[in-house]
Structure formats: C-alpha cells, structure tokens
N, C-alpha and C. Protein backbone atom coordinates (compact mmCIF):
# COMPACT_ATOMS: atom_id res chain seq x y z
N MET A 1 12.45 -30.09 9.61
CA MET A 1 11.77 -29.79 8.37
C MET A 1 10.63 -28.98 8.50
N MET A 2 9.73 -29.41 9.41
CA MET A 2 8.50 -28.40 9.51
C MET A 2 8.77 -26.95 9.67
N SER A 3 10.03 -26.65 10.75
CA SER A 3 10.26 -25.39 10.83
C SER A 3 10.72 -24.81 9.54
N LEU A 4 11.46 -25.40 8.80
CA LEU A 4 11.89 -24.88 7.32
C LEU A 4 10.71 -24.45 6.69
N PHE A 5 9.81 -25.29 6.43
CA PHE A 5 8.46 -25.06 5.84
C PHE A 5 7.80 -23.71 6.24
N ASP A 6 7.77 -23.62 7.67
CA ASP A 6 7.11 -22.62 8.26
C ASP A 6 7.93 -21.42 8.13
N ASP A 7 9.12 -21.28 8.08
CA ASP A 7 10.00 -20.14 7.90
C ASP A 7 9.68 -19.71 6.41
N GLU A 8 9.72 -20.63 5.32
CA GLU A 8 9.44 -20.13 4.08
C GLU A 8 8.14 -19.70 3.82
N GLN A 9 7.15 -20.19 4.36
CA GLN A 9 5.83 -19.76 4.30
C GLN A 9 5.63 -18.47 4.89
N ILE A 10 6.44 -18.12 5.99
CA ILE A 10 6.25 -16.80 6.73
C ILE A 10 7.01 -15.74 5.67
N MET A 11 8.18 -16.15 5.27
CA MET A 11 8.99 -15.13 4.24
C MET A 11 8.06 -14.97 2.98
N ARG A 12 7.56 -15.89 2.50
CA ARG A 12 6.69 -15.70 1.31
C ARG A 12 5.52 -14.78 1.58
N THR A 13 4.78 -14.95 2.74
CA THR A 13 3.72 -14.20 3.06
C THR A 13 4.23 -12.73 3.33
N TYR A 14 5.41 -12.51 4.18
CA TYR A 14 5.93 -11.30 4.45
C TYR A 14 6.18 -10.50 2.78
N ALA A 15 6.80 -11.10 1.97
CA ALA A 15 7.27 -10.45 0.67
C ALA A 15 5.84 -10.18 -0.01
N LYS A 16 4.88 -10.95 0.08
CA LYS A 16 3.64 -10.50 -0.56
C LYS A 16 3.16 -9.15 0.37
N ASP A 17 3.15 -9.26 1.56
CA ASP A 17 2.71 -8.10 2.26
C ASP A 17 3.42 -6.92 1.89
N ILE A 18 4.76 -6.97 1.91
CA ILE A 18 5.66 -5.80 1.35
C ILE A 18 5.24 -5.33 -0.10
N ALA A 19 5.05 -6.34 -1.04
CA ALA A 19 4.72 -5.84 -2.28
C ALA A 19 3.45 -5.26 -2.42
N ARG A 20 2.35 -5.68 -1.57
CA ARG A 20 0.97 -5.03 -1.70
C ARG A 20 1.11 -3.55 -1.04
N GLU A 21 1.94 -3.53 -0.09
CA GLU A 21 1.96 -2.13 0.59
C GLU A 21 2.74 -1.16 -0.30
N THR A 22 3.68 -1.65 -1.18
CA THR A 22 4.36 -0.81 -2.17
C THR A 22 3.33 -0.49 -3.38
N GLU A 23 2.56 -1.36 -3.69
CA GLU A 23 1.42 -1.19 -4.64
C GLU A 23 0.51 0.10 -4.16
N ARG A 24 0.20 -0.09 -2.91
CA ARG A 24 -0.79 0.81 -2.28
C ARG A 24 -0.12 2.11 -2.41
N LYS A 25 1.13 2.23 -1.92
CA LYS A 25 1.76 3.59 -1.66
C LYS A 25 1.93 4.17 -3.24
N THR A 26 2.16 3.51 -4.21
CA THR A 26 2.31 3.76 -5.62
C THR A 26 0.91 4.21 -6.15
N ALA A 27 -0.11 3.58 -5.83
CA ALA A 27 -1.46 4.16 -6.11
C ALA A 27 -1.85 5.35 -5.58
N GLU A 28 -1.46 5.52 -4.20
CA GLU A 28 -1.75 6.79 -3.42
C GLU A 28 -1.14 7.87 -4.08
N ARG A 29 0.26 7.77 -4.43
CA ARG A 29 1.02 8.77 -5.02
C ARG A 29 0.32 9.26 -6.36
N MET A 30 -0.11 8.27 -7.14
CA MET A 30 -0.56 8.67 -8.41
C MET A 30 -2.17 9.17 -8.20
N ILE A 31 -2.79 8.91 -7.23
CA ILE A 31 -4.03 9.58 -6.79
C ILE A 31 -3.68 11.11 -6.55
N ARG A 32 -2.81 11.17 -5.58
CA ARG A 32 -2.32 12.49 -5.11
C ARG A 32 -1.98 13.41 -6.25
N LYS A 33 -1.33 12.84 -7.23
CA LYS A 33 -0.99 13.67 -8.44
C LYS A 33 -2.25 14.33 -9.25
N GLY A 34 -3.42 13.45 -9.28
CA GLY A 34 -4.58 13.91 -9.98
C GLY A 34 -4.57 14.02 -11.43
N LYS A 35 -3.59 13.21 -12.02
CA LYS A 35 -3.59 13.28 -13.50
C LYS A 35 -4.06 12.11 -14.13
N MET A 36 -4.34 11.09 -13.41
CA MET A 36 -4.95 9.75 -14.00
C MET A 36 -6.36 9.51 -13.27
N THR A 37 -7.08 9.00 -14.20
CA THR A 37 -8.38 8.31 -13.46
C THR A 37 -8.06 7.03 -12.92
N LEU A 38 -9.02 6.45 -11.98
CA LEU A 38 -8.73 5.24 -11.27
C LEU A 38 -8.46 4.13 -12.30
N GLU A 39 -9.22 4.12 -13.31
CA GLU A 39 -9.04 3.11 -14.48
C GLU A 39 -7.79 3.04 -14.84
N GLU A 40 -7.07 4.21 -15.18
CA GLU A 40 -5.74 4.13 -15.75
C GLU A 40 -4.73 3.64 -14.64
N ILE A 41 -5.01 4.18 -13.39
CA ILE A 41 -4.18 3.76 -12.42
C ILE A 41 -4.10 2.23 -12.21
N ALA A 42 -5.41 1.67 -12.32
CA ALA A 42 -5.61 0.21 -12.40
C ALA A 42 -4.84 -0.61 -13.41
N ASP A 43 -4.67 0.13 -14.70
CA ASP A 43 -3.82 -0.60 -15.56
C ASP A 43 -2.46 -0.55 -15.06
N TYR A 44 -1.85 0.40 -14.35
CA TYR A 44 -0.30 0.29 -13.88
C TYR A 44 -0.28 -0.52 -12.66
N VAL A 45 -1.39 -0.66 -11.92
CA VAL A 45 -1.25 -1.44 -10.57
C VAL A 45 -2.29 -2.31 -10.61
N PRO A 46 -1.93 -3.47 -11.47
CA PRO A 46 -3.34 -4.37 -11.55
C PRO A 46 -3.55 -5.22 -10.25
N ALA A 47 -2.63 -5.28 -9.45
CA ALA A 47 -2.74 -6.03 -8.24
C ALA A 47 -3.91 -5.49 -7.22
N LEU A 48 -4.17 -4.38 -7.44
CA LEU A 48 -5.16 -3.81 -6.63
C LEU A 48 -6.56 -3.64 -7.46
N SER A 49 -7.62 -4.00 -6.64
CA SER A 49 -8.85 -4.05 -7.44
C SER A 49 -9.37 -2.60 -7.42
N MET A 50 -10.32 -2.40 -8.25
CA MET A 50 -11.04 -1.16 -8.35
C MET A 50 -11.51 -0.51 -7.02
N GLU A 51 -12.03 -1.57 -6.17
CA GLU A 51 -12.49 -1.23 -4.85
C GLU A 51 -11.36 -0.73 -3.85
N ASP A 52 -10.11 -1.40 -3.93
CA ASP A 52 -8.97 -1.02 -3.28
C ASP A 52 -8.56 0.71 -3.74
N LEU A 53 -8.75 0.72 -4.82
CA LEU A 53 -8.41 2.05 -5.40
C LEU A 53 -9.34 3.02 -4.94
N LYS A 54 -10.50 2.82 -5.14
CA LYS A 54 -11.61 3.83 -4.61
C LYS A 54 -11.38 3.82 -3.03
N GLU A 55 -11.00 2.94 -2.14
CA GLU A 55 -10.77 2.99 -0.81
C GLU A 55 -9.67 4.00 -0.73
N ILE A 56 -8.52 3.86 -1.54
CA ILE A 56 -7.39 4.75 -1.27
C ILE A 56 -7.61 6.22 -1.73
N GLU A 57 -8.50 6.33 -2.77
CA GLU A 57 -8.85 7.71 -3.19
C GLU A 57 -9.54 8.30 -2.03
N ALA A 58 -10.54 7.57 -1.36
CA ALA A 58 -11.06 8.20 -0.17
C ALA A 58 -10.29 8.54 0.88
N GLU A 59 -9.41 7.83 1.31
CA GLU A 59 -8.64 8.31 2.36
C GLU A 59 -7.63 9.44 1.89
N VAL A 60 -7.19 9.53 0.68
CA VAL A 60 -6.35 10.61 0.25
C VAL A 60 -7.19 11.70 0.20
N MET A 61 -8.51 11.87 -0.16
CA MET A 61 -9.30 12.97 -0.17
C MET A 61 -9.69 13.56 1.34
N GLN A 62 -9.81 12.52 2.25
CA GLN A 62 -9.98 12.95 3.59
C GLN A 62 -8.93 13.74 4.14
N LEU A 63 -7.67 13.36 3.74
CA LEU A 63 -6.53 13.91 4.24
C LEU A 63 -6.08 15.37 3.56
N ALA A 64 -6.76 15.38 2.30
CA ALA A 64 -6.39 16.64 1.70
C ALA A 64 -7.04 17.89 2.35
C-alpha cells in the first residue's frame, strides 16, 4: 500500500513539473515574440509569478 501511495505521489509531482516546464516554454515563446508585456503574459500563464516572468525575460534577452 505504501508503495502505491509513493508511486501516485511521484506521478503527481512529475505531472506538475511537466506542466510548469510547459508554462515556462510558453511564456518564453511569448516573450521572444515581443508583442506582449509581462503583465499581459501573466494573464495567459497565471501559474508563473511576475518574478518568474522577469527571470525568463532576462534569460531570453541574454541569449538574444
């Protein structure tokens, strides 16, 4: 029984990690397009904080 719980917990955590990575990639693409402000992007990707978006923006600008 404990193993089943652990497996379920691992899968939930993995799914959350995948979702968060997908949201980061979405925000990154939106920032690269340069057509929206961070505030507008935050409306479409509410799971990311403004600090997250600023960090992503800094990373994108460094690579540009």
